[in-house]
Amino acid sequence: MTVPLEAAAAPAPLIQVERLSRHYGSGDQKVIALAEVTLSIEQGSCVAIMGPSGSGKSTFMNLIGCLDAASGGSYRLASEEVAGLSGNRLALLRNRRIGFVFQQFNLLPRADALENVMLPLVYAGLPAAERRKRALVRLQQVGLEHRLHHTPAQLSGGQQQRVAIARALVNDPMVLLADEPTGALDSRTSLEVMALFQDLNRRGQTLIFVTHEHEVARFASRIIGFRDGRVVTDRAHPPADAKALLEESSRVFL
């Protein structure tokens, strides 16, 4: 008699939050920024977080990025409970598992591209030779191997954002968080950046980005909408192909 094998358990989500909340103040002065949000995000996902100002989307990003502490609920990153961790432990988690890309790039103005990308590895305590090696790989990945020694002032906005993306990737993060990553860029450069994000995602990088623009959210495969601190929509979405749109726009202007 053959005994059927038990089905293998599905892997745990990379990000799992249950009744996650964040409020400020108390009593009559209490402001609820996030209200008992429950959702999960699988490894390898490309997710857009949308909502108007004050909807809770940035608060949610800060919590899953370990930049802020929840007032209640549970947050598990790669099956590790984050709620209740000390400030030092949160900082270590951020540096090792999470990469950040911001709207304003946040590059050191007097450092060149290579030095900017190596910076997180300095905090990680890696030797100089290893820092340089890893930074070179990431700058090549974003197509800036010919701009290693250019400072931010010598780079275009799109190139500065590529440096910021390389810096975010240099520690091999589990998840890349991008906050309005195209907000300071023109439409064509925005397409270039989203094409790069999609390429990273196809290679297995988990990507979550906050945006208020539908033109940006369309490149995600899942769109989560926030309003008044709550999730109001959560749907799978056939993503637009940024690279194809970029090539199409190039033909138009030929």
C-alpha atoms as a PDB file:
ATOM      1  CA  MET A   1       0.000   0.000   0.000  1.00  0.00           C
ATOM      2  CA  THR A   2       1.399   3.379  -1.006  1.00  0.00           C
ATOM      3  CA  VAL A   3       1.128   6.136   1.554  1.00  0.00           C
ATOM      4  CA  PRO A   4       0.684   9.559  -0.126  1.00  0.00           C
ATOM      5  CA  LEU A   5       3.282  12.114   0.737  1.00  0.00           C
ATOM      6  CA  GLU A   6       2.075  15.231   2.508  1.00  0.00           C
ATOM      7  CA  ALA A   7       2.057  18.313   0.371  1.00  0.00           C
ATOM      8  CA  ALA A   8       5.009  20.564   1.030  1.00  0.00           C
ATOM      9  CA  ALA A   9       4.087  23.603   3.098  1.00  0.00           C
ATOM     10  CA  ALA A  10       3.990  26.838   1.166  1.00  0.00           C
ATOM     11  CA  PRO A  11       6.845  29.206   2.009  1.00  0.00           C
ATOM     12  CA  ALA A  12       5.999  31.993   4.416  1.00  0.00           C
ATOM     13  CA  PRO A  13       5.448  35.435   2.853  1.00  0.00           C
ATOM     14  CA  LEU A  14       8.463  37.723   2.875  1.00  0.00           C
ATOM     15  CA  ILE A  15       6.356  40.413   4.565  1.00  0.00           C
ATOM     16  CA  GLN A  16       3.380  39.608   6.777  1.00  0.00           C
ATOM     17  CA  VAL A  17       1.514  42.197   8.831  1.00  0.00           C
ATOM     18  CA  GLU A  18      -1.495  41.521  11.045  1.00  0.00           C
ATOM     19  CA  ARG A  19      -3.593  44.305  12.546  1.00  0.00           C
ATOM     20  CA  LEU A  20      -0.616  46.640  12.195  1.00  0.00           C
ATOM     21  CA  SER A  21      -1.371  50.058  13.671  1.00  0.00           C
ATOM     22  CA  ARG A  22       0.331  53.387  14.211  1.00  0.00           C
ATOM     23  CA  HIS A  23      -1.087  56.276  16.176  1.00  0.00           C
ATOM     24  CA  TYR A  24       0.278  59.470  17.631  1.00  0.00           C
ATOM     25  CA  GLY A  25      -0.781  61.220  20.816  1.00  0.00           C
ATOM     26  CA  SER A  26      -3.486  59.947  23.177  1.00  0.00           C
ATOM     27  CA  GLY A  27      -7.016  60.640  24.320  1.00  0.00           C
ATOM     28  CA  ASP A  28      -8.733  63.435  22.416  1.00  0.00           C
ATOM     29  CA  GLN A  29      -5.421  64.247  20.712  1.00  0.00           C
ATOM     30  CA  LYS A  30      -4.956  60.742  19.321  1.00  0.00           C
ATOM     31  CA  VAL A  31      -4.320  60.616  15.582  1.00  0.00           C
ATOM     32  CA  ILE A  32      -4.598  57.240  13.859  1.00  0.00           C
ATOM     33  CA  ALA A  33      -2.159  57.072  10.943  1.00  0.00           C
ATOM     34  CA  LEU A  34      -2.564  53.341  10.317  1.00  0.00           C
ATOM     35  CA  ALA A  35      -5.534  51.290  11.504  1.00  0.00           C
ATOM     36  CA  GLU A  36      -5.130  47.528  11.968  1.00  0.00           C
ATOM     37  CA  VAL A  37      -3.803  46.685   8.496  1.00  0.00           C
ATOM     38  CA  THR A  38      -3.501  42.999   7.619  1.00  0.00           C
ATOM     39  CA  LEU A  39      -1.784  41.842   4.421  1.00  0.00           C
ATOM     40  CA  SER A  40       1.131  39.800   3.115  1.00  0.00           C
ATOM     41  CA  ILE A  41       3.662  40.277   0.316  1.00  0.00           C
ATOM     42  CA  GLU A  42       5.424  37.350  -1.335  1.00  0.00           C
ATOM     43  CA  GLN A  43       9.086  37.229  -2.207  1.00  0.00           C
ATOM     44  CA  GLY A  44       9.710  38.392  -5.774  1.00  0.00           C
ATOM     45  CA  SER A  45       6.633  40.653  -5.843  1.00  0.00           C
ATOM     46  CA  CYS A  46       6.397  44.068  -7.471  1.00  0.00           C
ATOM     47  CA  VAL A  47       3.872  46.088  -5.463  1.00  0.00           C
ATOM     48  CA  ALA A  48       2.662  49.666  -5.747  1.00  0.00           C
ATOM     49  CA  ILE A  49       1.295  51.360  -2.611  1.00  0.00           C
ATOM     50  CA  MET A  50      -1.131  54.131  -3.566  1.00  0.00           C
ATOM     51  CA  GLY A  51      -3.263  56.706  -1.824  1.00  0.00           C
ATOM     52  CA  PRO A  52      -3.744  60.456  -1.336  1.00  0.00           C
ATOM     53  CA  SER A  53      -1.776  62.503   1.179  1.00  0.00           C
ATOM     54  CA  GLY A  54      -2.622  61.372   4.714  1.00  0.00           C
ATOM     55  CA  SER A  55      -3.903  57.976   3.551  1.00  0.00           C
ATOM     56  CA  GLY A  56      -1.357  55.978   5.556  1.00  0.00           C
ATOM     57  CA  LYS A  57       0.788  54.767   2.668  1.00  0.00           C
ATOM     58  CA  SER A  58       3.971  56.495   3.850  1.00  0.00           C
ATOM     59  CA  THR A  59       3.352  55.377   7.447  1.00  0.00           C
ATOM     60  CA  PHE A  60       3.030  51.808   6.198  1.00  0.00           C
ATOM     61  CA  MET A  61       6.273  52.162   4.229  1.00  0.00           C
ATOM     62  CA  ASN A  62       8.092  53.522   7.290  1.00  0.00           C
ATOM     63  CA  LEU A  63       6.889  50.613   9.422  1.00  0.00           C
ATOM     64  CA  ILE A  64       7.848  47.838   7.006  1.00  0.00           C
ATOM     65  CA  GLY A  65      11.137  49.645   6.368  1.00  0.00           C
ATOM     66  CA  CYS A  66      11.897  49.596  10.115  1.00  0.00           C
ATOM     67  CA  LEU A  67      12.142  53.385  10.154  1.00  0.00           C
ATOM     68  CA  ASP A  68       9.332  53.625  12.714  1.00  0.00           C
ATOM     69  CA  ALA A  69       7.826  51.399  15.404  1.00  0.00           C
ATOM     70  CA  ALA A  70       4.224  50.188  15.336  1.00  0.00           C
ATOM     71  CA  SER A  71       1.736  51.087  18.071  1.00  0.00           C
ATOM     72  CA  GLY A  72       0.140  47.667  17.822  1.00  0.00           C
ATOM     73  CA  GLY A  73      -0.136  44.501  15.777  1.00  0.00           C
ATOM     74  CA  SER A  74       2.443  42.190  14.254  1.00  0.00           C
ATOM     75  CA  TYR A  75       5.017  42.620  11.479  1.00  0.00           C
ATOM     76  CA  ARG A  76       7.119  39.665  10.346  1.00  0.00           C
ATOM     77  CA  LEU A  77       9.972  40.112   7.873  1.00  0.00           C
ATOM     78  CA  ALA A  78      11.276  36.792   6.523  1.00  0.00           C
ATOM     79  CA  SER A  79       9.443  35.109   9.432  1.00  0.00           C
ATOM     80  CA  GLU A  80      11.194  37.300  12.041  1.00  0.00           C
ATOM     81  CA  GLU A  81       8.928  39.326  14.305  1.00  0.00           C
ATOM     82  CA  VAL A  82       9.935  42.970  14.035  1.00  0.00           C
ATOM     83  CA  ALA A  83       7.568  44.544  16.558  1.00  0.00           C
ATOM     84  CA  GLY A  84       9.302  45.086  19.860  1.00  0.00           C
ATOM     85  CA  LEU A  85      12.870  44.989  18.546  1.00  0.00           C
ATOM     86  CA  SER A  86      15.348  47.444  20.040  1.00  0.00           C
ATOM     87  CA  GLY A  87      16.536  50.473  18.090  1.00  0.00           C
ATOM     88  CA  ASN A  88      19.928  48.856  17.485  1.00  0.00           C
ATOM     89  CA  ARG A  89      18.342  45.664  16.204  1.00  0.00           C
ATOM     90  CA  LEU A  90      16.028  47.622  13.903  1.00  0.00           C
ATOM     91  CA  ALA A  91      19.017  49.517  12.486  1.00  0.00           C
ATOM     92  CA  LEU A  92      20.823  46.235  11.844  1.00  0.00           C
ATOM     93  CA  LEU A  93      17.753  44.810  10.119  1.00  0.00           C
ATOM     94  CA  ARG A  94      17.444  47.895   7.916  1.00  0.00           C
ATOM     95  CA  ASN A  95      21.075  47.757   6.870  1.00  0.00           C
ATOM     96  CA  ARG A  96      21.123  44.037   6.072  1.00  0.00           C
ATOM     97  CA  ARG A  97      17.682  43.303   4.660  1.00  0.00           C
ATOM     98  CA  ILE A  98      16.159  46.502   3.278  1.00  0.00           C
ATOM     99  CA  GLY A  99      17.229  48.897   0.537  1.00  0.00           C
ATOM    100  CA  PHE A 100      15.750  52.394   0.225  1.00  0.00           C
ATOM    101  CA  VAL A 101      15.287  54.664  -2.794  1.00  0.00           C
ATOM    102  CA  PHE A 102      13.960  58.190  -2.202  1.00  0.00           C
ATOM    103  CA  GLN A 103      12.471  60.896  -4.407  1.00  0.00           C
ATOM    104  CA  GLN A 104      15.312  63.356  -3.760  1.00  0.00           C
ATOM    105  CA  PHE A 105      18.122  60.760  -4.193  1.00  0.00           C
ATOM    106  CA  ASN A 106      19.838  61.694  -0.877  1.00  0.00           C
ATOM    107  CA  LEU A 107      23.353  61.404  -2.305  1.00  0.00           C
ATOM    108  CA  LEU A 108      26.408  62.932  -0.631  1.00  0.00           C
ATOM    109  CA  PRO A 109      27.201  65.965  -2.825  1.00  0.00           C
ATOM    110  CA  ARG A 110      30.997  65.833  -2.443  1.00  0.00           C
ATOM    111  CA  ALA A 111      31.296  62.075  -2.946  1.00  0.00           C
ATOM    112  CA  ASP A 112      31.470  60.487  -6.391  1.00  0.00           C
ATOM    113  CA  ALA A 113      29.104  57.736  -7.573  1.00  0.00           C
ATOM    114  CA  LEU A 114      31.383  54.942  -6.405  1.00  0.00           C
ATOM    115  CA  GLU A 115      31.832  56.458  -2.932  1.00  0.00           C
ATOM    116  CA  ASN A 116      28.086  57.009  -2.570  1.00  0.00           C
ATOM    117  CA  VAL A 117      27.325  53.389  -3.404  1.00  0.00           C
ATOM    118  CA  MET A 118      30.034  52.088  -1.063  1.00  0.00           C
ATOM    119  CA  LEU A 119      28.675  54.047   1.916  1.00  0.00           C
ATOM    120  CA  PRO A 120      26.318  51.364   3.349  1.00  0.00           C
ATOM    121  CA  LEU A 121      29.191  48.888   3.228  1.00  0.00           C
ATOM    122  CA  VAL A 122      31.314  51.220   5.357  1.00  0.00           C
ATOM    123  CA  TYR A 123      28.633  51.005   8.058  1.00  0.00           C
ATOM    124  CA  ALA A 124      28.576  47.227   7.600  1.00  0.00           C
ATOM    125  CA  GLY A 125      32.309  47.105   8.360  1.00  0.00           C
ATOM    126  CA  LEU A 126      33.470  45.519   5.091  1.00  0.00           C
ATOM    127  CA  PRO A 127      37.117  45.915   3.949  1.00  0.00           C
ATOM    128  CA  ALA A 128      37.788  48.612   1.346  1.00  0.00           C
ATOM    129  CA  ALA A 129      38.564  46.151  -1.472  1.00  0.00           C
ATOM    130  CA  GLU A 130      35.289  44.284  -0.928  1.00  0.00           C
ATOM    131  CA  ARG A 131      33.327  47.554  -0.729  1.00  0.00           C
ATOM    132  CA  ARG A 132      34.734  48.677  -4.070  1.00  0.00           C
ATOM    133  CA  LYS A 133      34.095  45.305  -5.708  1.00  0.00           C
ATOM    134  CA  ARG A 134      30.436  45.192  -4.651  1.00  0.00           C
ATOM    135  CA  ALA A 135      29.810  48.827  -5.563  1.00  0.00           C
ATOM    136  CA  LEU A 136      31.292  48.336  -9.037  1.00  0.00           C
ATOM    137  CA  VAL A 137      28.984  45.374  -9.672  1.00  0.00           C
ATOM    138  CA  ARG A 138      25.903  47.385  -8.724  1.00  0.00           C
ATOM    139  CA  LEU A 139      26.924  50.450 -10.746  1.00  0.00           C
ATOM    140  CA  GLN A 140      27.459  48.204 -13.754  1.00  0.00           C
ATOM    141  CA  GLN A 141      24.027  46.700 -13.162  1.00  0.00           C
ATOM    142  CA  VAL A 142      22.375  50.125 -13.410  1.00  0.00           C
ATOM    143  CA  GLY A 143      24.462  51.119 -16.444  1.00  0.00           C
ATOM    144  CA  LEU A 144      26.770  53.656 -14.781  1.00  0.00           C
ATOM    145  CA  GLU A 145      30.155  51.964 -14.975  1.00  0.00           C
ATOM    146  CA  HIS A 146      31.324  54.943 -17.083  1.00  0.00           C
ATOM    147  CA  ARG A 147      30.331  57.470 -14.371  1.00  0.00           C
ATOM    148  CA  LEU A 148      32.153  56.042 -11.360  1.00  0.00           C
ATOM    149  CA  HIS A 149      34.003  59.218 -10.436  1.00  0.00           C
ATOM    150  CA  HIS A 150      31.319  61.783 -11.225  1.00  0.00           C
ATOM    151  CA  THR A 151      29.762  63.674  -8.323  1.00  0.00           C
ATOM    152  CA  PRO A 152      25.972  64.189  -8.156  1.00  0.00           C
ATOM    153  CA  ALA A 153      26.346  67.693  -9.640  1.00  0.00           C
ATOM    154  CA  GLN A 154      27.945  66.122 -12.716  1.00  0.00           C
ATOM    155  CA  LEU A 155      25.087  63.656 -13.218  1.00  0.00           C
ATOM    156  CA  SER A 156      21.590  64.049 -14.621  1.00  0.00           C
ATOM    157  CA  GLY A 157      18.565  63.438 -12.416  1.00  0.00           C
ATOM    158  CA  GLY A 158      18.071  59.988 -13.912  1.00  0.00           C
ATOM    159  CA  GLN A 159      21.719  59.105 -13.373  1.00  0.00           C
ATOM    160  CA  GLN A 160      21.547  60.294  -9.765  1.00  0.00           C
ATOM    161  CA  GLN A 161      18.541  58.042  -9.180  1.00  0.00           C
ATOM    162  CA  ARG A 162      20.445  55.122 -10.716  1.00  0.00           C
ATOM    163  CA  VAL A 163      23.284  55.756  -8.262  1.00  0.00           C
ATOM    164  CA  ALA A 164      20.705  55.773  -5.457  1.00  0.00           C
ATOM    165  CA  ILE A 165      19.294  52.454  -6.709  1.00  0.00           C
ATOM    166  CA  ALA A 166      22.788  50.934  -6.882  1.00  0.00           C
ATOM    167  CA  ARG A 167      23.419  52.117  -3.308  1.00  0.00           C
ATOM    168  CA  ALA A 168      20.124  50.558  -2.184  1.00  0.00           C
ATOM    169  CA  LEU A 169      21.092  47.229  -3.760  1.00  0.00           C
ATOM    170  CA  VAL A 170      24.712  47.055  -2.605  1.00  0.00           C
ATOM    171  CA  ASN A 171      23.897  45.103   0.573  1.00  0.00           C
ATOM    172  CA  ASP A 172      21.826  42.535  -1.371  1.00  0.00           C
ATOM    173  CA  PRO A 173      18.569  43.465   0.398  1.00  0.00           C
ATOM    174  CA  MET A 174      15.593  41.133   0.646  1.00  0.00           C
ATOM    175  CA  VAL A 175      13.286  43.975  -0.299  1.00  0.00           C
ATOM    176  CA  LEU A 176      13.752  47.282  -2.107  1.00  0.00           C
ATOM    177  CA  LEU A 177      11.497  50.126  -0.884  1.00  0.00           C
ATOM    178  CA  ALA A 178      11.084  53.150  -3.138  1.00  0.00           C
ATOM    179  CA  ASP A 179       9.260  56.299  -1.996  1.00  0.00           C
ATOM    180  CA  GLU A 180       7.981  58.327  -4.984  1.00  0.00           C
ATOM    181  CA  PRO A 181      11.084  57.219  -6.959  1.00  0.00           C
ATOM    182  CA  THR A 182      10.173  59.159 -10.109  1.00  0.00           C
ATOM    183  CA  GLY A 183       8.739  62.263  -8.424  1.00  0.00           C
ATOM    184  CA  ALA A 184      11.741  64.449  -9.320  1.00  0.00           C
ATOM    185  CA  LEU A 185      12.158  63.122 -12.874  1.00  0.00           C
ATOM    186  CA  ASP A 186      10.714  63.974 -16.287  1.00  0.00           C
ATOM    187  CA  SER A 187       8.439  61.476 -18.054  1.00  0.00           C
ATOM    188  CA  ARG A 188      11.080  59.816 -20.214  1.00  0.00           C
ATOM    189  CA  THR A 189      13.585  59.479 -17.380  1.00  0.00           C
ATOM    190  CA  SER A 190      10.783  58.068 -15.216  1.00  0.00           C
ATOM    191  CA  LEU A 191      10.246  55.372 -17.835  1.00  0.00           C
ATOM    192  CA  GLU A 192      13.967  54.571 -17.781  1.00  0.00           C
ATOM    193  CA  VAL A 193      13.927  54.182 -13.997  1.00  0.00           C
ATOM    194  CA  MET A 194      10.775  52.016 -14.039  1.00  0.00           C
ATOM    195  CA  ALA A 195      12.305  49.840 -16.773  1.00  0.00           C
ATOM    196  CA  LEU A 196      15.304  49.324 -14.500  1.00  0.00           C
ATOM    197  CA  PHE A 197      13.035  48.452 -11.564  1.00  0.00           C
ATOM    198  CA  GLN A 198      11.136  45.937 -13.685  1.00  0.00           C
ATOM    199  CA  ASP A 199      14.391  44.348 -14.830  1.00  0.00           C
ATOM    200  CA  LEU A 200      15.495  43.982 -11.204  1.00  0.00           C
ATOM    201  CA  ASN A 201      12.126  42.459 -10.329  1.00  0.00           C
ATOM    202  CA  ARG A 202      12.365  39.935 -13.174  1.00  0.00           C
ATOM    203  CA  ARG A 203      15.678  38.835 -11.680  1.00  0.00           C
ATOM    204  CA  GLY A 204      13.939  38.104  -8.386  1.00  0.00           C
ATOM    205  CA  GLN A 205      14.242  41.374  -6.463  1.00  0.00           C
ATOM    206  CA  THR A 206      11.205  42.105  -4.289  1.00  0.00           C
ATOM    207  CA  LEU A 207      10.121  45.686  -4.977  1.00  0.00           C
ATOM    208  CA  ILE A 208       7.610  47.871  -3.148  1.00  0.00           C
ATOM    209  CA  PHE A 209       7.128  51.487  -4.146  1.00  0.00           C
ATOM    210  CA  VAL A 210       4.914  54.268  -2.842  1.00  0.00           C
ATOM    211  CA  THR A 211       3.380  56.544  -5.434  1.00  0.00           C
ATOM    212  CA  HIS A 212       0.348  58.759  -5.911  1.00  0.00           C
ATOM    213  CA  GLU A 213       0.645  58.524  -9.698  1.00  0.00           C
ATOM    214  CA  HIS A 214      -1.356  55.932 -11.662  1.00  0.00           C
ATOM    215  CA  GLU A 215       1.161  56.363 -14.483  1.00  0.00           C
ATOM    216  CA  VAL A 216       3.808  54.881 -12.181  1.00  0.00           C
ATOM    217  CA  ALA A 217       1.623  52.289 -10.413  1.00  0.00           C
ATOM    218  CA  ARG A 218       0.728  50.656 -13.743  1.00  0.00           C
ATOM    219  CA  PHE A 219       4.208  49.088 -13.852  1.00  0.00           C
ATOM    220  CA  ALA A 220       3.506  47.006 -10.719  1.00  0.00           C
ATOM    221  CA  SER A 221       1.873  43.579 -10.740  1.00  0.00           C
ATOM    222  CA  ARG A 222      -0.122  44.357  -7.591  1.00  0.00           C
ATOM    223  CA  ILE A 223      -1.645  47.644  -6.470  1.00  0.00           C
ATOM    224  CA  ILE A 224      -2.637  48.247  -2.835  1.00  0.00           C
ATOM    225  CA  GLY A 225      -4.703  51.357  -2.149  1.00  0.00           C
ATOM    226  CA  PHE A 226      -4.794  53.137   1.213  1.00  0.00           C
ATOM    227  CA  ARG A 227      -7.301  55.647   2.562  1.00  0.00           C
ATOM    228  CA  ASP A 228      -7.742  56.938   6.111  1.00  0.00           C
ATOM    229  CA  GLY A 229      -5.113  54.523   7.408  1.00  0.00           C
ATOM    230  CA  ARG A 230      -6.798  51.441   5.965  1.00  0.00           C
ATOM    231  CA  VAL A 231      -6.402  49.226   2.908  1.00  0.00           C
ATOM    232  CA  VAL A 232      -9.360  49.925   0.627  1.00  0.00           C
ATOM    233  CA  THR A 233      -8.217  48.106  -2.533  1.00  0.00           C
ATOM    234  CA  ASP A 234      -5.822  45.241  -3.176  1.00  0.00           C
ATOM    235  CA  ARG A 235      -5.707  43.766  -6.652  1.00  0.00           C
ATOM    236  CA  ALA A 236      -3.453  41.918  -9.027  1.00  0.00           C
ATOM    237  CA  HIS A 237      -2.614  43.953 -12.090  1.00  0.00           C
ATOM    238  CA  PRO A 238      -1.086  43.060 -15.486  1.00  0.00           C
ATOM    239  CA  PRO A 239       1.908  45.412 -15.479  1.00  0.00           C
ATOM    240  CA  ALA A 240       2.734  47.692 -18.380  1.00  0.00           C
ATOM    241  CA  ASP A 241       6.149  47.039 -19.930  1.00  0.00           C
ATOM    242  CA  ALA A 242       8.282  50.127 -19.244  1.00  0.00           C
ATOM    243  CA  LYS A 243      11.078  49.020 -21.572  1.00  0.00           C
ATOM    244  CA  ALA A 244       8.651  48.522 -24.482  1.00  0.00           C
ATOM    245  CA  LEU A 245       7.077  51.947 -23.853  1.00  0.00           C
ATOM    246  CA  LEU A 246      10.551  53.491 -23.711  1.00  0.00           C
ATOM    247  CA  GLU A 247      11.485  51.945 -27.066  1.00  0.00           C
ATOM    248  CA  GLU A 248       8.179  53.076 -28.544  1.00  0.00           C
ATOM    249  CA  SER A 249       8.741  56.654 -27.391  1.00  0.00           C
ATOM    250  CA  SER A 250      12.237  56.578 -28.903  1.00  0.00           C
ATOM    251  CA  ARG A 251      10.791  55.610 -32.312  1.00  0.00           C
ATOM    252  CA  VAL A 252       8.268  58.433 -32.123  1.00  0.00           C
ATOM    253  CA  PHE A 253      11.023  61.034 -31.769  1.00  0.00           C
ATOM    254  CA  LEU A 254      13.274  59.620 -34.503  1.00  0.00           C
END
